[in-house]
Amino acid sequence: MKIRQYCLSILFSISFLINCSAQDISHYISAGYGFPNLPRMALNYLDTENKFESTGTGPLHLKYENRIKPWLGVGLSINHMTYSIKYNKDVLDTSLGQIVTNHVKVSNNNTAFNARVNFHLINPEKNDKLDVYFGIGIGYRTGKFIVESEYPDDVDIKLPYNTALGLESTFGFRYFIDDNLGVYTELGIAKSIIQFGAVMRI
């Protein structure tokens, strides 16, 4: 945990120093919603179980970018999601010697804080309406994967990716309706496959 915080602090410090020396800087703040909820989708293989229920929110995406060069921007991405899976499964209770119903609930509430770099493909001096970019991010993800069950030994559920390392990689488009306000969409892996929302340029 301390090592991750130290590395992120270094990245943000370098970014700040670069930004202080840059001129004609553009700042972008965006908020969006993504789908599908990838961990929730990964657990949908359990939908054949009795009384299966699946709920979730997000992911919700909040981003800040400082465009320090026409082709380069640095910033922060915050991605948040929740999900919950419930189902019943018949299991053998060896102490009672009979089949009983095991009520299972899988839930998670997690947030990723990623330092992000965007590589822009269009010079804003030539086209200030359309922005096309490729972005990658790495950081720290908080949250806990919880499995609740009366008979936990009979439940074996794991996610393919369940670590504290936050990662994202997306290909994005922004279109500005006027000088300051626009819309955006991104395709790639960032707790979802596609996201869209509003963007403000300062």
N, C-alpha and C. Protein backbone atom coordinates (compact mmCIF):
# COMPACT_ATOMS: atom_id res chain seq x y z
N MET A 1 0.83 -1.20 0.00
CA MET A 1 0.00 0.00 0.00
C MET A 1 0.87 1.26 0.00
N LYS A 2 1.88 1.34 0.87
CA LYS A 2 2.74 2.51 0.95
C LYS A 2 3.55 2.67 -0.33
N ILE A 3 3.98 1.56 -0.91
CA ILE A 3 4.76 1.61 -2.15
C ILE A 3 3.90 2.18 -3.27
N ARG A 4 2.64 1.74 -3.36
CA ARG A 4 1.76 2.24 -4.41
C ARG A 4 1.52 3.74 -4.24
N GLN A 5 1.27 4.17 -3.01
CA GLN A 5 1.05 5.59 -2.75
C GLN A 5 2.28 6.41 -3.10
N TYR A 6 3.45 5.89 -2.80
CA TYR A 6 4.70 6.57 -3.10
C TYR A 6 4.89 6.71 -4.61
N CYS A 7 4.61 5.64 -5.36
CA CYS A 7 4.75 5.69 -6.81
C CYS A 7 3.77 6.69 -7.43
N LEU A 8 2.53 6.67 -6.94
CA LEU A 8 1.54 7.61 -7.46
C LEU A 8 1.92 9.04 -7.14
N SER A 9 2.47 9.27 -5.95
CA SER A 9 2.89 10.62 -5.57
C SER A 9 3.98 11.12 -6.51
N ILE A 10 4.90 10.24 -6.88
CA ILE A 10 5.96 10.62 -7.81
C ILE A 10 5.38 10.99 -9.17
N LEU A 11 4.44 10.17 -9.66
CA LEU A 11 3.83 10.44 -10.96
C LEU A 11 3.12 11.79 -10.97
N PHE A 12 2.35 12.06 -9.92
CA PHE A 12 1.63 13.32 -9.87
C PHE A 12 2.56 14.51 -9.69
N SER A 13 3.66 14.32 -8.96
CA SER A 13 4.63 15.40 -8.78
C SER A 13 5.30 15.75 -10.10
N ILE A 14 5.69 14.73 -10.86
CA ILE A 14 6.29 14.95 -12.17
C ILE A 14 5.30 15.65 -13.10
N SER A 15 4.05 15.18 -13.05
CA SER A 15 3.00 15.79 -13.88
C SER A 15 2.83 17.26 -13.53
N PHE A 16 2.83 17.57 -12.24
CA PHE A 16 2.64 18.95 -11.79
C PHE A 16 3.78 19.85 -12.27
N LEU A 17 5.01 19.36 -12.18
CA LEU A 17 6.16 20.15 -12.61
C LEU A 17 6.13 20.40 -14.11
N ILE A 18 5.75 19.36 -14.87
CA ILE A 18 5.65 19.54 -16.32
C ILE A 18 4.57 20.55 -16.66
N ASN A 19 3.45 20.46 -15.95
CA ASN A 19 2.33 21.35 -16.24
C ASN A 19 2.66 22.80 -15.92
N CYS A 20 3.43 23.01 -14.86
CA CYS A 20 3.77 24.37 -14.47
C CYS A 20 4.61 25.07 -15.53
N SER A 21 5.38 24.28 -16.29
CA SER A 21 6.25 24.86 -17.30
C SER A 21 5.60 24.92 -18.66
N ALA A 22 4.42 24.33 -18.80
CA ALA A 22 3.75 24.29 -20.10
C ALA A 22 2.93 25.55 -20.33
N GLN A 23 2.67 25.86 -21.60
CA GLN A 23 1.87 27.00 -21.98
C GLN A 23 0.68 26.52 -22.80
N ASP A 24 -0.35 27.38 -22.86
CA ASP A 24 -1.56 27.06 -23.62
C ASP A 24 -2.14 25.71 -23.22
N ILE A 25 -2.27 25.52 -21.92
CA ILE A 25 -2.75 24.24 -21.39
C ILE A 25 -4.27 24.18 -21.47
N SER A 26 -4.80 23.03 -21.86
CA SER A 26 -6.23 22.77 -21.81
C SER A 26 -6.50 21.75 -20.71
N HIS A 27 -7.54 21.99 -19.92
CA HIS A 27 -7.95 21.07 -18.88
C HIS A 27 -9.30 20.47 -19.27
N TYR A 28 -9.44 19.17 -19.03
CA TYR A 28 -10.67 18.47 -19.34
C TYR A 28 -11.20 17.78 -18.10
N ILE A 29 -12.47 17.96 -17.83
CA ILE A 29 -13.15 17.24 -16.74
C ILE A 29 -14.35 16.52 -17.35
N SER A 30 -14.43 15.21 -17.15
CA SER A 30 -15.52 14.44 -17.74
C SER A 30 -16.14 13.52 -16.71
N ALA A 31 -17.43 13.26 -16.89
CA ALA A 31 -18.17 12.34 -16.04
C ALA A 31 -19.02 11.45 -16.93
N GLY A 32 -18.97 10.13 -16.69
CA GLY A 32 -19.70 9.23 -17.56
C GLY A 32 -20.15 7.96 -16.88
N TYR A 33 -20.84 7.15 -17.65
CA TYR A 33 -21.38 5.87 -17.17
C TYR A 33 -20.96 4.78 -18.15
N GLY A 34 -20.56 3.62 -17.61
CA GLY A 34 -20.10 2.53 -18.46
C GLY A 34 -20.97 1.30 -18.39
N PHE A 35 -20.89 0.47 -19.41
CA PHE A 35 -21.58 -0.82 -19.43
C PHE A 35 -20.85 -1.76 -20.38
N PRO A 36 -20.95 -3.07 -20.20
CA PRO A 36 -21.58 -3.70 -19.03
C PRO A 36 -20.68 -3.62 -17.80
N ASN A 37 -21.26 -3.94 -16.65
CA ASN A 37 -20.51 -4.08 -15.41
C ASN A 37 -19.75 -5.41 -15.50
N LEU A 38 -18.44 -5.35 -15.80
CA LEU A 38 -17.70 -6.56 -16.17
C LEU A 38 -17.67 -7.64 -15.08
N PRO A 39 -17.39 -7.31 -13.80
CA PRO A 39 -17.41 -8.38 -12.79
C PRO A 39 -18.79 -9.01 -12.64
N ARG A 40 -19.82 -8.18 -12.69
CA ARG A 40 -21.19 -8.71 -12.61
C ARG A 40 -21.47 -9.63 -13.79
N MET A 41 -21.03 -9.22 -14.98
CA MET A 41 -21.23 -10.05 -16.17
C MET A 41 -20.46 -11.37 -16.04
N ALA A 42 -19.25 -11.31 -15.44
CA ALA A 42 -18.43 -12.51 -15.29
C ALA A 42 -19.10 -13.54 -14.38
N LEU A 43 -19.95 -13.08 -13.45
CA LEU A 43 -20.62 -13.98 -12.53
C LEU A 43 -21.98 -14.47 -13.04
N ASN A 44 -22.39 -14.00 -14.20
CA ASN A 44 -23.68 -14.41 -14.74
C ASN A 44 -23.72 -15.87 -15.18
N TYR A 45 -22.56 -16.55 -15.15
CA TYR A 45 -22.58 -17.99 -15.45
C TYR A 45 -23.37 -18.76 -14.38
N LEU A 46 -23.66 -18.09 -13.26
CA LEU A 46 -24.43 -18.73 -12.18
C LEU A 46 -25.94 -18.58 -12.38
N ASP A 47 -26.37 -18.01 -13.51
CA ASP A 47 -27.79 -17.72 -13.68
C ASP A 47 -28.66 -18.96 -13.81
N THR A 48 -28.04 -20.14 -13.89
CA THR A 48 -28.83 -21.37 -13.92
C THR A 48 -29.20 -21.84 -12.52
N GLU A 49 -28.63 -21.20 -11.50
CA GLU A 49 -28.93 -21.58 -10.13
C GLU A 49 -30.34 -21.11 -9.74
N ASN A 50 -30.88 -21.74 -8.70
CA ASN A 50 -32.24 -21.45 -8.24
C ASN A 50 -32.34 -20.04 -7.65
N LYS A 51 -33.38 -19.29 -8.06
CA LYS A 51 -33.65 -17.94 -7.58
C LYS A 51 -32.45 -17.01 -7.75
N PHE A 52 -31.86 -17.06 -8.92
CA PHE A 52 -30.70 -16.22 -9.21
C PHE A 52 -31.14 -14.77 -9.38
N GLU A 53 -30.41 -13.84 -8.71
CA GLU A 53 -30.65 -12.40 -8.84
C GLU A 53 -29.31 -11.70 -9.04
N SER A 54 -29.33 -10.71 -9.93
CA SER A 54 -28.10 -9.95 -10.21
C SER A 54 -28.43 -8.47 -10.25
N THR A 55 -27.76 -7.67 -9.43
CA THR A 55 -27.96 -6.22 -9.41
C THR A 55 -26.60 -5.53 -9.40
N GLY A 56 -26.59 -4.27 -9.76
CA GLY A 56 -25.34 -3.54 -9.74
C GLY A 56 -25.51 -2.11 -10.21
N THR A 57 -24.51 -1.29 -9.92
CA THR A 57 -24.48 0.11 -10.34
C THR A 57 -23.13 0.41 -10.96
N GLY A 58 -23.19 1.09 -12.08
CA GLY A 58 -21.95 1.52 -12.71
C GLY A 58 -21.33 0.46 -13.60
N PRO A 59 -20.10 0.74 -14.01
CA PRO A 59 -19.20 1.70 -13.37
C PRO A 59 -19.49 3.17 -13.72
N LEU A 60 -19.20 4.02 -12.73
CA LEU A 60 -19.26 5.46 -12.90
C LEU A 60 -17.83 5.95 -13.11
N HIS A 61 -17.65 6.85 -14.07
CA HIS A 61 -16.31 7.31 -14.43
C HIS A 61 -16.20 8.83 -14.23
N LEU A 62 -15.17 9.25 -13.53
CA LEU A 62 -14.85 10.66 -13.35
C LEU A 62 -13.38 10.86 -13.72
N LYS A 63 -13.11 11.79 -14.65
CA LYS A 63 -11.75 11.95 -15.15
C LYS A 63 -11.33 13.42 -15.16
N TYR A 64 -10.04 13.61 -14.94
CA TYR A 64 -9.43 14.93 -15.14
C TYR A 64 -8.20 14.73 -16.00
N GLU A 65 -8.04 15.60 -17.00
CA GLU A 65 -6.86 15.54 -17.86
C GLU A 65 -6.29 16.93 -18.06
N ASN A 66 -4.98 17.03 -18.00
CA ASN A 66 -4.26 18.25 -18.31
C ASN A 66 -3.48 18.00 -19.60
N ARG A 67 -3.88 18.66 -20.66
CA ARG A 67 -3.26 18.44 -21.97
C ARG A 67 -2.02 19.34 -22.08
N ILE A 68 -0.88 18.76 -21.79
CA ILE A 68 0.35 19.54 -21.72
C ILE A 68 1.01 19.73 -23.08
N LYS A 69 0.64 18.92 -24.05
CA LYS A 69 1.12 19.02 -25.42
C LYS A 69 -0.07 18.74 -26.34
N PRO A 70 -0.01 19.18 -27.60
CA PRO A 70 -1.11 18.85 -28.51
C PRO A 70 -1.36 17.36 -28.61
N TRP A 71 -0.33 16.56 -28.41
CA TRP A 71 -0.45 15.11 -28.56
C TRP A 71 -0.45 14.35 -27.23
N LEU A 72 -0.27 15.05 -26.10
CA LEU A 72 -0.09 14.36 -24.82
C LEU A 72 -0.89 15.03 -23.70
N GLY A 73 -1.56 14.19 -22.90
CA GLY A 73 -2.26 14.67 -21.72
C GLY A 73 -2.04 13.72 -20.55
N VAL A 74 -1.99 14.28 -19.33
CA VAL A 74 -1.82 13.47 -18.13
C VAL A 74 -2.93 13.84 -17.15
N GLY A 75 -3.30 12.89 -16.29
CA GLY A 75 -4.36 13.20 -15.35
C GLY A 75 -4.70 12.05 -14.44
N LEU A 76 -5.94 12.05 -14.00
CA LEU A 76 -6.43 11.08 -13.02
C LEU A 76 -7.78 10.56 -13.46
N SER A 77 -7.98 9.26 -13.28
CA SER A 77 -9.26 8.62 -13.58
C SER A 77 -9.76 7.90 -12.33
N ILE A 78 -11.02 8.16 -11.96
CA ILE A 78 -11.66 7.49 -10.82
C ILE A 78 -12.84 6.69 -11.35
N ASN A 79 -12.82 5.38 -11.09
CA ASN A 79 -13.87 4.49 -11.59
C ASN A 79 -14.50 3.74 -10.41
N HIS A 80 -15.82 3.80 -10.31
CA HIS A 80 -16.51 3.20 -9.16
C HIS A 80 -17.65 2.29 -9.64
N MET A 81 -17.82 1.16 -8.95
CA MET A 81 -18.92 0.25 -9.28
C MET A 81 -19.33 -0.57 -8.06
N THR A 82 -20.54 -1.08 -8.11
CA THR A 82 -21.03 -2.05 -7.13
C THR A 82 -21.75 -3.16 -7.87
N TYR A 83 -21.81 -4.33 -7.25
CA TYR A 83 -22.63 -5.40 -7.82
C TYR A 83 -22.94 -6.41 -6.72
N SER A 84 -24.01 -7.16 -6.94
CA SER A 84 -24.44 -8.18 -5.98
C SER A 84 -25.10 -9.32 -6.74
N ILE A 85 -24.71 -10.55 -6.40
CA ILE A 85 -25.29 -11.76 -6.99
C ILE A 85 -25.86 -12.61 -5.86
N LYS A 86 -27.10 -13.09 -6.04
CA LYS A 86 -27.73 -13.96 -5.05
C LYS A 86 -28.30 -15.19 -5.73
N TYR A 87 -28.21 -16.31 -5.05
CA TYR A 87 -28.86 -17.52 -5.56
C TYR A 87 -28.95 -18.56 -4.45
N ASN A 88 -29.76 -19.59 -4.66
CA ASN A 88 -29.90 -20.70 -3.72
C ASN A 88 -29.38 -21.97 -4.38
N LYS A 89 -28.76 -22.82 -3.55
CA LYS A 89 -28.23 -24.07 -4.08
C LYS A 89 -28.43 -25.17 -3.04
N ASP A 90 -28.93 -26.32 -3.50
CA ASP A 90 -29.10 -27.47 -2.60
C ASP A 90 -27.76 -28.13 -2.33
N VAL A 91 -27.46 -28.34 -1.03
CA VAL A 91 -26.21 -28.99 -0.63
C VAL A 91 -26.51 -30.04 0.44
N LEU A 92 -25.56 -30.91 0.67
CA LEU A 92 -25.72 -31.95 1.68
C LEU A 92 -25.14 -31.47 3.00
N ASP A 93 -25.99 -31.40 4.02
CA ASP A 93 -25.53 -31.10 5.38
C ASP A 93 -25.16 -32.42 6.04
N THR A 94 -23.87 -32.67 6.18
CA THR A 94 -23.42 -33.96 6.71
C THR A 94 -23.79 -34.16 8.17
N SER A 95 -23.89 -33.05 8.91
CA SER A 95 -24.25 -33.19 10.33
C SER A 95 -25.71 -33.58 10.50
N LEU A 96 -26.58 -33.12 9.58
CA LEU A 96 -28.00 -33.46 9.64
C LEU A 96 -28.32 -34.69 8.79
N GLY A 97 -27.43 -34.98 7.86
CA GLY A 97 -27.66 -36.12 6.97
C GLY A 97 -28.79 -35.89 6.01
N GLN A 98 -28.96 -34.64 5.54
CA GLN A 98 -30.03 -34.35 4.61
C GLN A 98 -29.66 -33.19 3.69
N ILE A 99 -30.43 -33.04 2.61
CA ILE A 99 -30.22 -31.96 1.66
C ILE A 99 -30.87 -30.69 2.19
N VAL A 100 -30.11 -29.60 2.20
CA VAL A 100 -30.63 -28.30 2.67
C VAL A 100 -30.35 -27.25 1.60
N THR A 101 -30.99 -26.09 1.76
CA THR A 101 -30.80 -24.98 0.83
C THR A 101 -29.71 -24.04 1.35
N ASN A 102 -28.72 -23.82 0.54
CA ASN A 102 -27.64 -22.90 0.87
C ASN A 102 -27.91 -21.56 0.18
N HIS A 103 -28.08 -20.50 0.97
CA HIS A 103 -28.32 -19.16 0.43
C HIS A 103 -26.97 -18.46 0.24
N VAL A 104 -26.68 -18.10 -0.99
CA VAL A 104 -25.37 -17.54 -1.33
C VAL A 104 -25.54 -16.10 -1.83
N LYS A 105 -24.67 -15.21 -1.34
CA LYS A 105 -24.64 -13.82 -1.81
C LYS A 105 -23.19 -13.42 -2.07
N VAL A 106 -22.96 -12.90 -3.26
CA VAL A 106 -21.64 -12.40 -3.65
C VAL A 106 -21.77 -10.91 -3.92
N SER A 107 -20.94 -10.09 -3.29
CA SER A 107 -21.07 -8.65 -3.45
C SER A 107 -19.70 -7.97 -3.47
N ASN A 108 -19.69 -6.78 -4.04
CA ASN A 108 -18.46 -6.01 -4.11
C ASN A 108 -18.81 -4.54 -4.31
N ASN A 109 -18.03 -3.69 -3.68
CA ASN A 109 -18.15 -2.24 -3.81
C ASN A 109 -16.73 -1.73 -3.95
N ASN A 110 -16.32 -1.31 -5.14
CA ASN A 110 -14.91 -0.97 -5.30
C ASN A 110 -14.71 0.29 -6.14
N THR A 111 -13.58 0.94 -5.90
CA THR A 111 -13.21 2.18 -6.58
C THR A 111 -11.74 2.10 -6.98
N ALA A 112 -11.44 2.50 -8.20
CA ALA A 112 -10.06 2.53 -8.69
C ALA A 112 -9.62 3.97 -8.91
N PHE A 113 -8.43 4.29 -8.43
CA PHE A 113 -7.81 5.60 -8.63
C PHE A 113 -6.57 5.38 -9.51
N ASN A 114 -6.66 5.82 -10.76
CA ASN A 114 -5.60 5.55 -11.73
C ASN A 114 -4.96 6.83 -12.25
N ALA A 115 -3.62 6.85 -12.25
CA ALA A 115 -2.90 7.88 -12.98
C ALA A 115 -3.00 7.51 -14.46
N ARG A 116 -3.29 8.51 -15.30
CA ARG A 116 -3.63 8.21 -16.69
C ARG A 116 -2.85 9.10 -17.66
N VAL A 117 -2.50 8.52 -18.79
CA VAL A 117 -1.84 9.24 -19.88
C VAL A 117 -2.66 9.06 -21.14
N ASN A 118 -2.96 10.17 -21.83
CA ASN A 118 -3.69 10.13 -23.10
C ASN A 118 -2.79 10.58 -24.24
N PHE A 119 -2.82 9.84 -25.33
CA PHE A 119 -2.09 10.20 -26.54
C PHE A 119 -3.09 10.65 -27.59
N HIS A 120 -3.05 11.94 -27.96
CA HIS A 120 -4.05 12.53 -28.84
C HIS A 120 -3.61 12.44 -30.30
N LEU A 121 -4.56 12.16 -31.18
CA LEU A 121 -4.28 11.94 -32.59
C LEU A 121 -4.63 13.14 -33.47
N ILE A 122 -5.31 14.14 -32.91
CA ILE A 122 -5.71 15.32 -33.68
C ILE A 122 -5.18 16.57 -32.99
N ASN A 123 -4.53 17.42 -33.74
CA ASN A 123 -4.02 18.68 -33.21
C ASN A 123 -5.19 19.65 -33.00
N PRO A 124 -5.38 20.15 -31.77
CA PRO A 124 -6.53 21.04 -31.52
C PRO A 124 -6.46 22.36 -32.27
N GLU A 125 -5.25 22.75 -32.74
CA GLU A 125 -5.13 23.98 -33.52
C GLU A 125 -5.73 23.80 -34.91
N LYS A 126 -5.82 22.56 -35.36
CA LYS A 126 -6.39 22.28 -36.68
C LYS A 126 -7.87 21.90 -36.60
N ASN A 127 -8.26 21.30 -35.47
CA ASN A 127 -9.66 20.91 -35.27
C ASN A 127 -9.95 20.93 -33.78
N ASP A 128 -10.64 21.97 -33.32
CA ASP A 128 -10.91 22.09 -31.89
C ASP A 128 -12.26 21.51 -31.49
N LYS A 129 -12.97 20.93 -32.46
CA LYS A 129 -14.27 20.31 -32.17
C LYS A 129 -14.14 18.82 -31.85
N LEU A 130 -13.25 18.13 -32.56
CA LEU A 130 -13.12 16.69 -32.44
C LEU A 130 -11.78 16.33 -31.81
N ASP A 131 -11.83 15.42 -30.86
CA ASP A 131 -10.62 14.94 -30.18
C ASP A 131 -10.65 13.41 -30.19
N VAL A 132 -9.61 12.80 -30.73
CA VAL A 132 -9.48 11.34 -30.77
C VAL A 132 -8.21 10.99 -30.03
N TYR A 133 -8.28 10.00 -29.13
CA TYR A 133 -7.13 9.72 -28.28
C TYR A 133 -7.12 8.26 -27.83
N PHE A 134 -5.94 7.83 -27.41
CA PHE A 134 -5.76 6.52 -26.80
C PHE A 134 -5.21 6.75 -25.40
N GLY A 135 -5.82 6.12 -24.39
CA GLY A 135 -5.42 6.34 -23.01
C GLY A 135 -5.10 5.05 -22.27
N ILE A 136 -4.11 5.13 -21.40
CA ILE A 136 -3.77 4.02 -20.50
C ILE A 136 -3.65 4.55 -19.09
N GLY A 137 -4.03 3.72 -18.12
CA GLY A 137 -3.96 4.14 -16.72
C GLY A 137 -3.56 3.00 -15.82
N ILE A 138 -2.90 3.35 -14.72
CA ILE A 138 -2.50 2.38 -13.71
C ILE A 138 -2.60 3.03 -12.34
N GLY A 139 -3.04 2.28 -11.35
CA GLY A 139 -3.18 2.86 -10.02
C GLY A 139 -3.58 1.83 -8.98
N TYR A 140 -4.40 2.28 -8.05
CA TYR A 140 -4.76 1.46 -6.90
C TYR A 140 -6.27 1.29 -6.83
N ARG A 141 -6.71 0.07 -6.57
CA ARG A 141 -8.13 -0.24 -6.50
C ARG A 141 -8.49 -0.68 -5.09
N THR A 142 -9.49 -0.03 -4.51
CA THR A 142 -9.97 -0.39 -3.18
C THR A 142 -11.28 -1.16 -3.30
N GLY A 143 -11.62 -1.90 -2.29
CA GLY A 143 -12.85 -2.68 -2.30
C GLY A 143 -12.61 -4.08 -1.80
N LYS A 144 -13.69 -4.79 -1.54
CA LYS A 144 -13.57 -6.14 -1.01
C LYS A 144 -14.58 -7.06 -1.69
N PHE A 145 -14.11 -8.20 -2.11
CA PHE A 145 -14.94 -9.23 -2.72
C PHE A 145 -15.47 -10.11 -1.59
N ILE A 146 -16.80 -10.09 -1.37
CA ILE A 146 -17.42 -10.76 -0.23
C ILE A 146 -18.34 -11.88 -0.70
N VAL A 147 -18.16 -13.06 -0.13
CA VAL A 147 -19.04 -14.20 -0.38
C VAL A 147 -19.67 -14.61 0.94
N GLU A 148 -21.01 -14.51 1.02
CA GLU A 148 -21.74 -14.88 2.23
C GLU A 148 -22.52 -16.16 1.97
N SER A 149 -22.45 -17.11 2.91
CA SER A 149 -23.10 -18.40 2.72
C SER A 149 -23.20 -19.13 4.04
N GLU A 150 -24.30 -19.89 4.23
CA GLU A 150 -24.41 -20.72 5.43
C GLU A 150 -23.47 -21.91 5.38
N TYR A 151 -23.12 -22.33 4.16
CA TYR A 151 -22.21 -23.47 3.97
C TYR A 151 -21.07 -23.05 3.03
N PRO A 152 -20.12 -22.26 3.54
CA PRO A 152 -19.06 -21.71 2.68
C PRO A 152 -18.17 -22.77 2.03
N ASP A 153 -18.05 -23.94 2.63
CA ASP A 153 -17.19 -24.98 2.04
C ASP A 153 -17.75 -25.51 0.72
N ASP A 154 -19.06 -25.28 0.50
CA ASP A 154 -19.69 -25.75 -0.73
C ASP A 154 -19.75 -24.67 -1.80
N VAL A 155 -19.09 -23.52 -1.55
CA VAL A 155 -19.10 -22.41 -2.50
C VAL A 155 -17.67 -22.12 -2.94
N ASP A 156 -17.44 -22.15 -4.22
CA ASP A 156 -16.11 -21.87 -4.77
C ASP A 156 -16.27 -20.89 -5.92
N ILE A 157 -16.26 -19.60 -5.58
CA ILE A 157 -16.46 -18.54 -6.57
C ILE A 157 -15.25 -17.62 -6.55
N LYS A 158 -14.66 -17.42 -7.71
CA LYS A 158 -13.53 -16.52 -7.83
C LYS A 158 -13.67 -15.71 -9.10
N LEU A 159 -13.19 -14.47 -9.05
CA LEU A 159 -13.17 -13.65 -10.24
C LEU A 159 -11.83 -13.81 -10.95
N PRO A 160 -11.82 -13.71 -12.28
CA PRO A 160 -10.55 -13.86 -13.00
C PRO A 160 -9.57 -12.74 -12.69
N TYR A 161 -10.07 -11.55 -12.29
CA TYR A 161 -9.20 -10.43 -11.96
C TYR A 161 -9.72 -9.81 -10.68
N ASN A 162 -9.02 -10.00 -9.57
CA ASN A 162 -9.47 -9.49 -8.28
C ASN A 162 -8.26 -9.11 -7.44
N THR A 163 -7.55 -8.05 -7.86
CA THR A 163 -6.36 -7.59 -7.18
C THR A 163 -6.51 -6.11 -6.83
N ALA A 164 -5.55 -5.58 -6.11
CA ALA A 164 -5.55 -4.17 -5.74
C ALA A 164 -4.97 -3.28 -6.83
N LEU A 165 -4.52 -3.86 -7.92
CA LEU A 165 -3.93 -3.09 -9.01
C LEU A 165 -5.03 -2.60 -9.95
N GLY A 166 -5.11 -1.29 -10.12
CA GLY A 166 -6.08 -0.72 -11.04
C GLY A 166 -5.47 -0.53 -12.41
N LEU A 167 -6.16 -1.00 -13.44
CA LEU A 167 -5.66 -0.89 -14.82
C LEU A 167 -6.80 -0.46 -15.75
N GLU A 168 -6.46 0.31 -16.76
CA GLU A 168 -7.44 0.67 -17.78
C GLU A 168 -6.72 0.99 -19.08
N SER A 169 -7.39 0.73 -20.18
CA SER A 169 -6.86 1.02 -21.51
C SER A 169 -8.05 1.24 -22.44
N THR A 170 -8.17 2.46 -22.99
CA THR A 170 -9.34 2.80 -23.80
C THR A 170 -8.96 3.64 -25.01
N PHE A 171 -9.82 3.59 -26.00
CA PHE A 171 -9.72 4.43 -27.19
C PHE A 171 -10.91 5.37 -27.16
N GLY A 172 -10.66 6.70 -27.18
CA GLY A 172 -11.74 7.63 -26.92
C GLY A 172 -11.98 8.67 -28.00
N PHE A 173 -13.20 9.24 -27.97
CA PHE A 173 -13.61 10.31 -28.88
C PHE A 173 -14.30 11.40 -28.05
N ARG A 174 -13.98 12.64 -28.34
CA ARG A 174 -14.69 13.78 -27.75
C ARG A 174 -15.18 14.68 -28.88
N TYR A 175 -16.39 15.19 -28.69
CA TYR A 175 -16.92 16.16 -29.64
C TYR A 175 -17.48 17.34 -28.85
N PHE A 176 -16.99 18.54 -29.17
CA PHE A 176 -17.37 19.73 -28.42
C PHE A 176 -18.45 20.50 -29.17
N ILE A 177 -19.56 20.72 -28.45
CA ILE A 177 -20.70 21.44 -29.01
C ILE A 177 -20.37 22.93 -29.11
N ASP A 178 -19.65 23.45 -28.11
CA ASP A 178 -19.14 24.82 -28.15
C ASP A 178 -17.72 24.81 -27.60
N ASP A 179 -17.22 25.96 -27.23
CA ASP A 179 -15.82 26.04 -26.79
C ASP A 179 -15.54 25.25 -25.52
N ASN A 180 -16.56 25.05 -24.68
CA ASN A 180 -16.32 24.46 -23.37
C ASN A 180 -17.03 23.13 -23.11
N LEU A 181 -18.16 22.91 -23.72
CA LEU A 181 -18.96 21.73 -23.39
C LEU A 181 -19.01 20.75 -24.56
N GLY A 182 -18.97 19.45 -24.20
CA GLY A 182 -19.04 18.42 -25.22
C GLY A 182 -19.47 17.09 -24.67
N VAL A 183 -19.39 16.08 -25.50
CA VAL A 183 -19.73 14.71 -25.11
C VAL A 183 -18.53 13.82 -25.44
N TYR A 184 -18.47 12.68 -24.76
CA TYR A 184 -17.36 11.76 -25.02
C TYR A 184 -17.84 10.32 -24.97
N THR A 185 -17.08 9.45 -25.59
CA THR A 185 -17.28 8.01 -25.46
C THR A 185 -15.91 7.35 -25.53
N GLU A 186 -15.76 6.24 -24.79
CA GLU A 186 -14.53 5.48 -24.80
C GLU A 186 -14.82 3.99 -24.93
N LEU A 187 -14.00 3.31 -25.70
CA LEU A 187 -14.11 1.87 -25.88
C LEU A 187 -12.84 1.22 -25.34
N GLY A 188 -13.00 0.16 -24.56
CA GLY A 188 -11.85 -0.52 -24.00
C GLY A 188 -12.17 -1.10 -22.64
N ILE A 189 -11.13 -1.41 -21.89
CA ILE A 189 -11.29 -2.04 -20.59
C ILE A 189 -11.07 -1.01 -19.49
N ALA A 190 -12.15 -0.68 -18.75
CA ALA A 190 -12.07 0.22 -17.61
C ALA A 190 -13.26 -0.08 -16.70
N LYS A 191 -13.32 -1.30 -16.20
CA LYS A 191 -14.47 -1.84 -15.45
C LYS A 191 -15.69 -2.03 -16.35
N SER A 192 -15.59 -1.61 -17.61
CA SER A 192 -16.65 -1.77 -18.58
C SER A 192 -15.99 -1.85 -19.96
N ILE A 193 -16.80 -2.03 -20.99
CA ILE A 193 -16.27 -2.08 -22.35
C ILE A 193 -16.52 -0.78 -23.09
N ILE A 194 -17.66 -0.14 -22.81
CA ILE A 194 -17.97 1.14 -23.42
C ILE A 194 -18.48 2.09 -22.35
N GLN A 195 -18.10 3.34 -22.47
CA GLN A 195 -18.57 4.38 -21.54
C GLN A 195 -18.88 5.63 -22.34
N PHE A 196 -19.78 6.46 -21.80
CA PHE A 196 -20.14 7.70 -22.47
C PHE A 196 -20.55 8.71 -21.41
N GLY A 197 -20.47 10.00 -21.77
CA GLY A 197 -20.85 11.02 -20.81
C GLY A 197 -20.57 12.41 -21.34
N ALA A 198 -20.45 13.37 -20.43
CA ALA A 198 -20.23 14.76 -20.76
C ALA A 198 -18.81 15.17 -20.41
N VAL A 199 -18.29 16.14 -21.15
CA VAL A 199 -16.93 16.63 -20.91
C VAL A 199 -16.94 18.15 -20.94
N MET A 200 -16.14 18.75 -20.05
CA MET A 200 -15.99 20.20 -20.00
C MET A 200 -14.54 20.55 -20.25
N ARG A 201 -14.28 21.51 -21.12
CA ARG A 201 -12.93 21.97 -21.43
C ARG A 201 -12.74 23.36 -20.84
N ILE A 202 -11.66 23.52 -20.09
CA ILE A 202 -11.36 24.80 -19.44
C ILE A 202 -10.08 25.39 -20.03
